């Protein structure tokens, strides 16, 4: 028994650790920015790409290498010379063979660029590319946060819709029970009873559909928050209970959308690339030093220490002056200029899109806020009307069609109120995200 209790406690403690409680949409967004899989992968990619900074700086630092060459001359060059130079008869020639079959060279070489404008500009390009990656990560964060705001409030919306649908099912059950009693007494026709049964079945189906949508929304929210589908997620906020807490002044004009910032960074990158293409016209200067030893053998006897090795050492400067590249440099310059023009057009277009989108979100929010009071009052009135109609139908004052009209009006009021309330909170959260909250 004691061991069983220990196992139960361990399982319970594991379940408690797996449960995540989210109090507000801001908590959900904050957790998303820390644990969302897409954002986590993006941060890992940023750390990986940061190594390119060291690679671009390495081009300006000294480099050293050790090298070794082994040559086997299986066919040595031969040349004819007059034999009289070797004590022979005039007019005769003798063949001389130059070199030896086996050659081994080993050495070290050190070089360093002294003047290299393109390599220095490459450092700036690397930094700008990393800045673009950071801006792209902000775009991803903005998109994921906006998605969380929509899914979070959609989950609360469906949960509230489930509560309302359950009340509708309860009312439909009550009506069906009354109708069944009246049918047994012969007070109503089977047609009216069947229509009431249809209302009850429809209400039950709406409840099941809302429950399915709620599970789907909740699972999507779990994935966005970096949880698994098996993890427990509890949303403490009540959508209808938070209806009085709406309010937002407006969108700050000083906050630039990350989508616009990316376009601006890309434009700056293309300008730097144009500068680099122009920098290729500059001469480059580097210093180098090389020391090697060489052995020449008629036989493969390089391990014989009694035979000589011949040293070779050289140090100098290398100057490269670009003159003609077959039109490649001109083509690259033209392409860089065209990319700048394209980036300028994309930046202007993105600024217009961002301004239009911000204005649309702001207008939608204000409209939803203005309509919220009327929708709430209409919802509350229709809730009261439904209860009154139920009482009157039970008392025999209301006919079936009269109750059905009130019930349908109540359904429409419920849907308008919930959708409007959700729109208020969704657009309010999006505006807060875009203001950097």
Protein backbone atom coordinates (compact mmCIF):
# COMPACT_ATOMS: atom_id res chain seq x y z
CA UNK A 1 0.00 0.00 0.00
CA UNK A 2 2.85 2.36 0.85
CA UNK A 3 4.56 1.68 -2.48
CA UNK A 4 1.30 2.31 -4.33
CA UNK A 5 0.91 5.70 -2.65
CA UNK A 6 4.47 6.64 -3.63
CA UNK A 7 3.78 5.74 -7.27
CA UNK A 8 0.56 7.79 -7.23
CA UNK A 9 2.39 10.80 -5.76
CA UNK A 10 5.13 10.55 -8.38
CA UNK A 11 2.60 10.40 -11.21
CA UNK A 12 0.65 13.30 -9.75
CA UNK A 13 3.80 15.41 -9.31
CA UNK A 14 4.76 14.72 -12.92
CA UNK A 15 1.32 15.86 -14.09
CA UNK A 16 1.60 19.03 -12.03
CA UNK A 17 4.95 19.88 -13.63
CA UNK A 18 3.45 19.36 -17.08
CA UNK A 19 0.62 21.81 -16.43
CA UNK A 20 1.05 25.35 -17.74
CA UNK A 21 -1.15 28.16 -16.45
CA UNK A 22 -1.57 31.29 -18.61
CA UNK A 23 -3.32 34.21 -16.93
CA UNK A 24 -3.42 36.81 -19.71
CA UNK A 25 -2.63 37.10 -23.40
CA UNK A 26 0.52 39.01 -22.46
CA UNK A 27 1.70 35.96 -20.50
CA UNK A 28 1.00 33.79 -23.55
CA UNK A 29 2.96 36.12 -25.84
CA UNK A 30 5.87 36.30 -23.41
CA UNK A 31 6.05 32.53 -23.14
CA UNK A 32 5.80 32.22 -26.91
CA UNK A 33 8.80 34.50 -27.44
CA UNK A 34 10.82 32.29 -25.11
CA UNK A 35 9.69 28.78 -26.07
CA UNK A 36 8.11 28.88 -29.53
CA UNK A 37 9.90 26.28 -31.74
CA UNK A 38 10.18 28.58 -34.76
CA UNK A 39 11.67 31.39 -32.69
CA UNK A 40 14.02 28.98 -30.91
CA UNK A 41 15.30 27.66 -34.24
CA UNK A 42 15.70 31.22 -35.52
CA UNK A 43 17.84 32.14 -32.50
CA UNK A 44 19.99 29.04 -33.01
CA UNK A 45 20.46 29.98 -36.67
CA UNK A 46 21.52 33.48 -35.57
CA UNK A 47 24.22 32.03 -33.32
CA UNK A 48 25.42 29.84 -36.18
CA UNK A 49 25.51 32.71 -38.66
CA UNK A 50 27.49 34.83 -36.20
CA UNK A 51 30.51 32.65 -36.96
CA UNK A 52 30.64 34.31 -40.37
CA UNK A 53 31.89 37.44 -38.63
CA UNK A 54 35.09 35.65 -37.61
CA UNK A 55 35.43 34.21 -41.13
CA UNK A 56 35.30 37.67 -42.73
CA UNK A 57 37.87 39.06 -40.28
CA UNK A 58 40.21 36.16 -40.96
CA UNK A 59 40.77 37.45 -44.49
CA UNK A 60 42.70 40.42 -43.01
CA UNK A 61 44.86 38.38 -40.64
CA UNK A 62 48.13 36.57 -41.39
CA UNK A 63 47.91 33.05 -42.73
CA UNK A 64 50.52 30.33 -42.46
CA UNK A 65 50.72 26.96 -44.10
CA UNK A 66 53.14 24.07 -44.33
CA UNK A 67 53.49 22.30 -47.62
CA UNK A 68 55.30 19.40 -49.16
CA UNK A 69 55.68 18.25 -52.76
CA UNK A 70 56.98 14.93 -54.01
CA UNK A 71 57.77 14.63 -57.74
CA UNK A 72 58.69 11.52 -59.67
CA UNK A 73 60.10 12.42 -63.08
CA UNK A 74 59.54 9.19 -64.98
CA UNK A 75 60.76 10.85 -68.23
CA UNK A 76 63.63 13.30 -67.73
CA UNK A 77 64.30 15.99 -70.36
CA UNK A 78 67.19 15.24 -72.76
CA UNK A 79 69.17 17.68 -74.94
CA UNK A 80 71.85 17.21 -77.64
CA UNK A 81 75.08 19.25 -77.36
CA UNK A 82 78.21 19.33 -79.57
CA UNK A 83 80.57 16.52 -78.61
CA UNK A 84 83.65 18.75 -78.98
CA UNK A 85 82.72 20.48 -75.71
CA UNK A 86 83.18 17.14 -74.00
CA UNK A 87 86.38 16.16 -75.81
CA UNK A 88 84.70 14.49 -78.77
CA UNK A 89 85.07 14.99 -82.51
CA UNK A 90 83.67 18.09 -84.20
CA UNK A 91 80.32 17.49 -85.86
CA UNK A 92 79.31 14.84 -83.37
CA UNK A 93 76.60 15.29 -80.70
CA UNK A 94 76.06 13.75 -77.34
CA UNK A 95 72.82 13.55 -75.39
CA UNK A 96 72.63 14.91 -71.86
CA UNK A 97 69.85 14.18 -69.44
CA UNK A 98 68.87 16.94 -66.97
CA UNK A 99 67.53 16.42 -63.46
CA UNK A 100 67.01 13.36 -61.30
CA UNK A 101 63.96 11.11 -61.03
CA UNK A 102 63.02 11.88 -57.39
CA UNK A 103 62.42 15.35 -55.90
CA UNK A 104 61.07 16.15 -52.44
CA UNK A 105 60.30 19.70 -51.25
CA UNK A 106 59.04 20.73 -47.80
CA UNK A 107 58.50 24.22 -46.43
CA UNK A 108 56.38 26.84 -44.73
CA UNK A 109 54.74 29.98 -46.09
CA UNK A 110 53.37 33.04 -44.32
CA UNK A 111 51.36 35.79 -45.99
CA UNK A 112 49.35 38.80 -44.87
CA UNK A 113 47.34 41.39 -46.78
CA UNK A 114 48.53 44.95 -46.24
CA UNK A 115 46.03 46.73 -48.47
CA UNK A 116 42.74 45.02 -49.35
CA UNK A 117 39.70 47.28 -49.55
CA UNK A 118 37.28 44.50 -50.68
CA UNK A 119 38.15 42.35 -47.66
CA UNK A 120 37.55 45.25 -45.31
CA UNK A 121 34.21 45.96 -46.93
CA UNK A 122 33.32 42.27 -46.53
CA UNK A 123 33.34 42.78 -42.76
CA UNK A 124 30.69 45.46 -43.09
CA UNK A 125 28.64 43.20 -45.37
CA UNK A 126 28.81 40.42 -42.80
CA UNK A 127 27.63 42.73 -40.03
CA UNK A 128 24.78 43.97 -42.21
CA UNK A 129 23.74 40.41 -43.07
CA UNK A 130 23.60 39.60 -39.36
CA UNK A 131 21.50 42.71 -38.81
CA UNK A 132 19.10 41.50 -41.49
CA UNK A 133 18.86 38.13 -39.73
CA UNK A 134 18.02 39.94 -36.48
CA UNK A 135 15.35 41.99 -38.27
CA UNK A 136 13.93 38.85 -39.88
CA UNK A 137 13.73 37.25 -36.46
CA UNK A 138 11.76 40.28 -35.28
CA UNK A 139 9.41 39.82 -38.22
CA UNK A 140 8.94 36.19 -37.24
CA UNK A 141 8.38 37.20 -33.63
CA UNK A 142 5.78 39.75 -34.71
CA UNK A 143 3.97 37.20 -36.88
CA UNK A 144 4.03 34.50 -34.19
CA UNK A 145 2.87 36.95 -31.50
CA UNK A 146 0.00 38.08 -33.72
CA UNK A 147 -0.92 34.47 -34.38
CA UNK A 148 -0.88 33.76 -30.64
CA UNK A 149 -3.15 36.75 -30.01
CA UNK A 150 -5.67 35.43 -32.54
CA UNK A 151 -5.54 31.77 -31.41
CA UNK A 152 -5.58 32.72 -27.72
CA UNK A 153 -8.75 34.79 -28.04
CA UNK A 154 -10.29 32.28 -30.45
CA UNK A 155 -9.81 29.66 -27.74
CA UNK A 156 -11.48 31.88 -25.16
CA UNK A 157 -14.23 32.61 -27.68
CA UNK A 158 -15.01 28.95 -28.28
CA UNK A 159 -14.88 28.23 -24.56
CA UNK A 160 -17.45 30.97 -23.91
CA UNK A 161 -19.48 29.69 -26.84
CA UNK A 162 -19.49 26.25 -25.20
CA UNK A 163 -20.93 27.74 -21.99
CA UNK A 164 -23.67 29.49 -23.95
CA UNK A 165 -24.33 26.39 -26.05
CA UNK A 166 -24.76 24.33 -22.89
CA UNK A 167 -27.37 26.79 -21.64
CA UNK A 168 -29.10 26.56 -25.01
CA UNK A 169 -29.08 22.76 -24.79
CA UNK A 170 -30.52 22.94 -21.27
CA UNK A 171 -33.29 25.27 -22.47
CA UNK A 172 -33.94 23.01 -25.47
CA UNK A 173 -34.16 19.99 -23.14
CA UNK A 174 -36.66 21.83 -20.99
CA UNK A 175 -38.76 22.76 -24.01
CA UNK A 176 -38.55 19.17 -25.34
CA UNK A 177 -39.70 17.79 -21.98
CA UNK A 178 -42.67 20.15 -21.90
CA UNK A 179 -43.51 19.30 -25.52
CA UNK A 180 -43.34 15.58 -24.78
CA UNK A 181 -45.81 15.99 -21.92
CA UNK A 182 -48.16 18.01 -24.10
CA UNK A 183 -47.87 15.50 -26.93
CA UNK A 184 -48.87 12.71 -24.54
CA UNK A 185 -51.93 14.74 -23.52
CA UNK A 186 -52.79 15.50 -27.13
CA UNK A 187 -52.32 19.25 -26.64
CA UNK A 188 -49.87 19.62 -29.57
CA UNK A 189 -49.40 17.91 -32.89
CA UNK A 190 -46.49 15.57 -33.66
CA UNK A 191 -45.22 18.15 -36.18
CA UNK A 192 -44.65 20.72 -33.44
CA UNK A 193 -43.00 18.13 -31.23
CA UNK A 194 -40.66 17.05 -34.03
CA UNK A 195 -39.69 20.65 -34.72
CA UNK A 196 -38.86 21.12 -31.05
CA UNK A 197 -36.83 17.96 -31.09
CA UNK A 198 -34.97 19.34 -34.12
CA UNK A 199 -34.09 22.47 -32.14
CA UNK A 200 -32.72 20.34 -29.32
CA UNK A 201 -30.63 18.23 -31.72
CA UNK A 202 -29.33 21.34 -33.46
CA UNK A 203 -28.33 22.88 -30.13
CA UNK A 204 -26.58 19.64 -29.18
CA UNK A 205 -24.72 19.59 -32.50
CA UNK A 206 -23.62 23.22 -32.07
CA UNK A 207 -22.29 22.31 -28.63
CA UNK A 208 -20.27 19.39 -30.04
CA UNK A 209 -18.90 21.54 -32.87
CA UNK A 210 -17.83 24.23 -30.40
CA UNK A 211 -16.13 21.62 -28.22
CA UNK A 212 -14.21 20.29 -31.22
CA UNK A 213 -13.17 23.80 -32.28
CA UNK A 214 -12.06 24.54 -28.73
CA UNK A 215 -9.82 21.46 -28.65
CA UNK A 216 -8.31 22.40 -32.01
CA UNK A 217 -7.63 25.98 -30.95
CA UNK A 218 -6.18 24.86 -27.63
CA UNK A 219 -3.83 22.38 -29.34
CA UNK A 220 -2.67 25.05 -31.80
CA UNK A 221 -2.01 27.37 -28.88
CA UNK A 222 -0.01 24.67 -27.11
CA UNK A 223 2.27 24.26 -30.13
CA UNK A 224 2.78 28.02 -30.41
CA UNK A 225 3.69 28.14 -26.71
CA UNK A 226 6.28 25.42 -27.16
CA UNK A 227 4.23 22.72 -25.45
CA UNK A 228 3.24 19.29 -26.64
CA UNK A 229 -0.33 18.26 -27.32
CA UNK A 230 -0.22 15.98 -24.25
CA UNK A 231 0.74 18.86 -21.94
CA UNK A 232 -1.95 20.53 -19.87
CA UNK A 233 -2.70 24.20 -20.64
CA UNK A 234 -5.01 26.24 -18.42
CA UNK A 235 -6.27 29.66 -19.54
CA UNK A 236 -7.41 31.59 -16.47
CA UNK A 237 -8.86 34.55 -18.35
CA UNK A 238 -12.60 34.64 -18.99
CA UNK A 239 -13.47 36.36 -22.26
CA UNK A 240 -16.89 37.58 -21.16
CA UNK A 241 -15.65 38.43 -17.69
CA UNK A 242 -12.96 40.70 -19.21
CA UNK A 243 -15.40 42.66 -21.34
CA UNK A 244 -15.13 45.72 -19.11
CA UNK A 245 -11.33 45.91 -19.31
CA UNK A 246 -11.06 47.09 -22.90
CA UNK A 247 -9.41 50.34 -23.88
CA UNK A 248 -6.50 51.47 -25.97
CA UNK A 249 -5.47 54.99 -26.93
CA UNK A 250 -3.96 54.38 -30.36
CA UNK A 251 -0.94 53.32 -32.35
CA UNK A 252 2.34 55.17 -31.86
CA UNK A 253 3.70 56.65 -35.06
CA UNK A 254 7.31 56.27 -33.87
CA UNK A 255 7.27 52.46 -33.84
CA UNK A 256 8.31 51.02 -37.19
CA UNK A 257 7.01 47.65 -38.25
CA UNK A 258 9.76 44.99 -38.40
CA UNK A 259 8.73 44.21 -41.99
CA UNK A 260 9.71 47.77 -42.93
CA UNK A 261 12.92 47.53 -40.93
CA UNK A 262 13.95 44.42 -42.88
CA UNK A 263 13.43 46.23 -46.18
CA UNK A 264 15.48 49.16 -44.92
CA UNK A 265 18.29 46.85 -43.83
CA UNK A 266 18.24 45.08 -47.20
CA UNK A 267 18.53 48.43 -48.97
CA UNK A 268 21.58 49.28 -46.86
CA UNK A 269 23.08 45.87 -47.69
CA UNK A 270 22.73 46.48 -51.42
CA UNK A 271 24.38 49.88 -51.05
CA UNK A 272 27.31 48.29 -49.26
CA UNK A 273 27.52 45.64 -51.98
CA UNK A 274 27.76 48.43 -54.56
CA UNK A 275 30.62 49.95 -52.56
CA UNK A 276 32.35 46.59 -52.53
CA UNK A 277 32.03 46.20 -56.29
CA UNK A 278 33.61 49.62 -56.65
CA UNK A 279 36.29 48.56 -54.16
CA UNK A 280 37.36 45.76 -56.52
CA UNK A 281 38.92 48.46 -58.70
CA UNK A 282 41.42 49.23 -55.99
CA UNK A 283 44.84 47.53 -56.03
CA UNK A 284 45.67 45.00 -53.34
CA UNK A 285 49.02 44.65 -51.61
CA UNK A 286 50.21 41.71 -49.52
CA UNK A 287 53.47 40.57 -47.97
CA UNK A 288 54.67 36.99 -48.03
CA UNK A 289 57.61 34.89 -46.89
CA UNK A 290 58.44 31.33 -47.89
CA UNK A 291 61.15 28.96 -46.75
CA UNK A 292 61.62 25.43 -48.06
CA UNK A 293 64.21 22.69 -48.38
CA UNK A 294 64.58 20.45 -51.38
CA UNK A 295 66.20 17.08 -51.95
CA UNK A 296 67.03 15.57 -55.35
CA UNK A 297 67.81 11.89 -55.57
CA UNK A 298 68.51 9.38 -58.30
CA UNK A 299 67.03 6.75 -56.03
CA UNK A 300 64.37 6.87 -53.34
CA UNK A 301 66.81 7.52 -50.49
CA UNK A 302 65.39 10.57 -48.72
CA UNK A 303 65.96 9.03 -45.31
CA UNK A 304 69.71 9.03 -45.87
CA UNK A 305 70.91 11.88 -43.63
CA UNK A 306 74.34 11.95 -45.21
CA UNK A 307 72.98 13.43 -48.43
CA UNK A 308 72.37 17.14 -48.70
CA UNK A 309 69.12 19.11 -48.62
CA UNK A 310 69.12 22.46 -50.38
CA UNK A 311 67.37 25.45 -48.69
CA UNK A 312 65.29 27.96 -50.62
CA UNK A 313 64.02 31.18 -48.97
CA UNK A 314 62.11 34.08 -50.41
CA UNK A 315 60.26 37.12 -49.03
CA UNK A 316 58.52 39.88 -50.92
CA UNK A 317 55.51 42.02 -51.71
CA UNK A 318 52.75 41.20 -54.14
CA UNK A 319 50.83 44.01 -55.82
CA UNK A 320 47.70 43.23 -57.83
CA UNK A 321 46.17 45.93 -60.00
CA UNK A 322 42.88 45.00 -61.70
CA UNK A 323 42.80 46.15 -65.32
CA UNK A 324 40.21 44.17 -67.25
CA UNK A 325 37.85 41.42 -66.16
CA UNK A 326 36.04 40.69 -69.39
CA UNK A 327 33.12 42.95 -68.50
CA UNK A 328 32.32 41.05 -65.29
CA UNK A 329 32.94 44.05 -63.03
CA UNK A 330 30.70 46.30 -65.12
CA UNK A 331 27.92 43.72 -65.07
CA UNK A 332 28.20 43.35 -61.29
CA UNK A 333 28.06 47.12 -60.82
CA UNK A 334 24.96 47.41 -62.99
CA UNK A 335 23.32 44.56 -61.13
CA UNK A 336 24.11 46.18 -57.78
CA UNK A 337 22.57 49.48 -58.91
CA UNK A 338 19.44 47.73 -60.14
CA UNK A 339 19.09 45.87 -56.85
CA UNK A 340 19.27 49.19 -55.00
CA UNK A 341 16.47 50.58 -57.14
CA UNK A 342 14.42 47.44 -56.54
CA UNK A 343 15.05 47.61 -52.78
CA UNK A 344 13.95 51.27 -52.72
CA UNK A 345 10.70 50.37 -54.46
CA UNK A 346 10.12 47.43 -52.09
CA UNK A 347 10.78 49.66 -49.06
CA UNK A 348 8.28 52.29 -50.25
CA UNK A 349 5.69 49.59 -50.95
CA UNK A 350 6.22 47.93 -47.57
CA UNK A 351 5.84 51.29 -45.81
CA UNK A 352 2.53 51.85 -47.58
CA UNK A 353 1.34 48.34 -46.72
CA UNK A 354 2.34 48.77 -43.07
CA UNK A 355 0.56 52.11 -42.82
CA UNK A 356 -2.57 50.67 -44.43
CA UNK A 357 -2.51 47.58 -42.21
CA UNK A 358 -2.00 49.64 -39.04
CA UNK A 359 -4.86 51.95 -39.97
CA UNK A 360 -7.11 48.99 -40.75
CA UNK A 361 -6.35 47.35 -37.40
CA UNK A 362 -6.95 50.63 -35.59
CA UNK A 363 -10.24 51.31 -37.38
CA UNK A 364 -11.43 47.75 -36.79
CA UNK A 365 -10.58 48.05 -33.11
CA UNK A 366 -12.40 51.35 -32.64
CA UNK A 367 -15.43 50.06 -34.51
CA UNK A 368 -15.50 46.91 -32.37
CA UNK A 369 -15.22 48.96 -29.18
CA UNK A 370 -18.04 51.26 -30.27
CA UNK A 371 -20.27 48.29 -31.09
CA UNK A 372 -19.40 46.33 -27.97
CA UNK A 373 -21.75 48.22 -25.63
CA UNK A 374 -24.72 47.79 -27.96
CA UNK A 375 -23.94 44.11 -28.57
CA UNK A 376 -23.60 43.46 -24.85
CA UNK A 377 -26.94 45.14 -24.09
CA UNK A 378 -28.58 43.28 -26.95
CA UNK A 379 -27.12 39.99 -25.70
CA UNK A 380 -28.36 40.58 -22.15
CA UNK A 381 -31.83 41.57 -23.38
CA UNK A 382 -32.11 38.48 -25.55
CA UNK A 383 -30.98 36.29 -22.68
CA UNK A 384 -33.81 37.75 -20.61
CA UNK A 385 -36.23 37.33 -23.49
CA UNK A 386 -35.31 33.68 -23.85
CA UNK A 387 -36.07 33.03 -20.19
CA UNK A 388 -39.36 34.94 -20.43
CA UNK A 389 -40.33 33.05 -23.58
CA UNK A 390 -39.50 29.77 -21.85
CA UNK A 391 -41.74 30.67 -18.91
CA UNK A 392 -44.56 31.73 -21.22
CA UNK A 393 -44.25 28.57 -23.31
CA UNK A 394 -44.37 26.45 -20.16
CA UNK A 395 -47.46 28.37 -19.06
CA UNK A 396 -49.10 27.86 -22.44
CA UNK A 397 -49.14 31.59 -23.24
CA UNK A 398 -46.59 31.36 -26.07
CA UNK A 399 -46.98 29.19 -29.13
CA UNK A 400 -44.05 27.24 -30.56
CA UNK A 401 -43.39 29.73 -33.38
CA UNK A 402 -43.30 32.62 -30.93
CA UNK A 403 -40.72 30.86 -28.79
CA UNK A 404 -38.71 29.89 -31.88
CA UNK A 405 -38.51 33.54 -33.01
CA UNK A 406 -37.19 34.61 -29.62
CA UNK A 407 -34.73 31.71 -29.57
CA UNK A 408 -33.34 32.54 -33.03
CA UNK A 409 -32.98 36.22 -32.12
CA UNK A 410 -31.07 35.16 -29.02
CA UNK A 411 -28.72 32.97 -31.08
CA UNK A 412 -27.92 35.85 -33.41
CA UNK A 413 -27.31 38.17 -30.48
CA UNK A 414 -25.02 35.62 -28.85
CA UNK A 415 -22.92 35.18 -32.00
CA UNK A 416 -22.63 38.93 -32.63
CA UNK A 417 -21.63 39.63 -29.06
CA UNK A 418 -19.00 36.90 -28.83
CA UNK A 419 -17.47 37.70 -32.23
CA UNK A 420 -17.41 41.42 -31.49
CA UNK A 421 -15.89 40.85 -28.06
CA UNK A 422 -13.22 38.62 -29.56
CA UNK A 423 -12.43 41.22 -32.24
CA UNK A 424 -11.97 43.87 -29.57
CA UNK A 425 -9.41 41.84 -27.64
CA UNK A 426 -7.61 40.51 -30.74
CA UNK A 427 -7.12 43.94 -32.29
CA UNK A 428 -6.28 45.51 -28.94
CA UNK A 429 -3.54 42.92 -28.40
CA UNK A 430 -2.18 43.39 -31.94
CA UNK A 431 -1.99 47.15 -31.37
CA UNK A 432 -0.14 46.55 -28.11
CA UNK A 433 2.31 44.24 -29.87
CA UNK A 434 2.99 46.86 -32.52
CA UNK A 435 3.60 49.47 -29.85
CA UNK A 436 6.27 47.26 -28.32
CA UNK A 437 4.32 46.21 -25.21
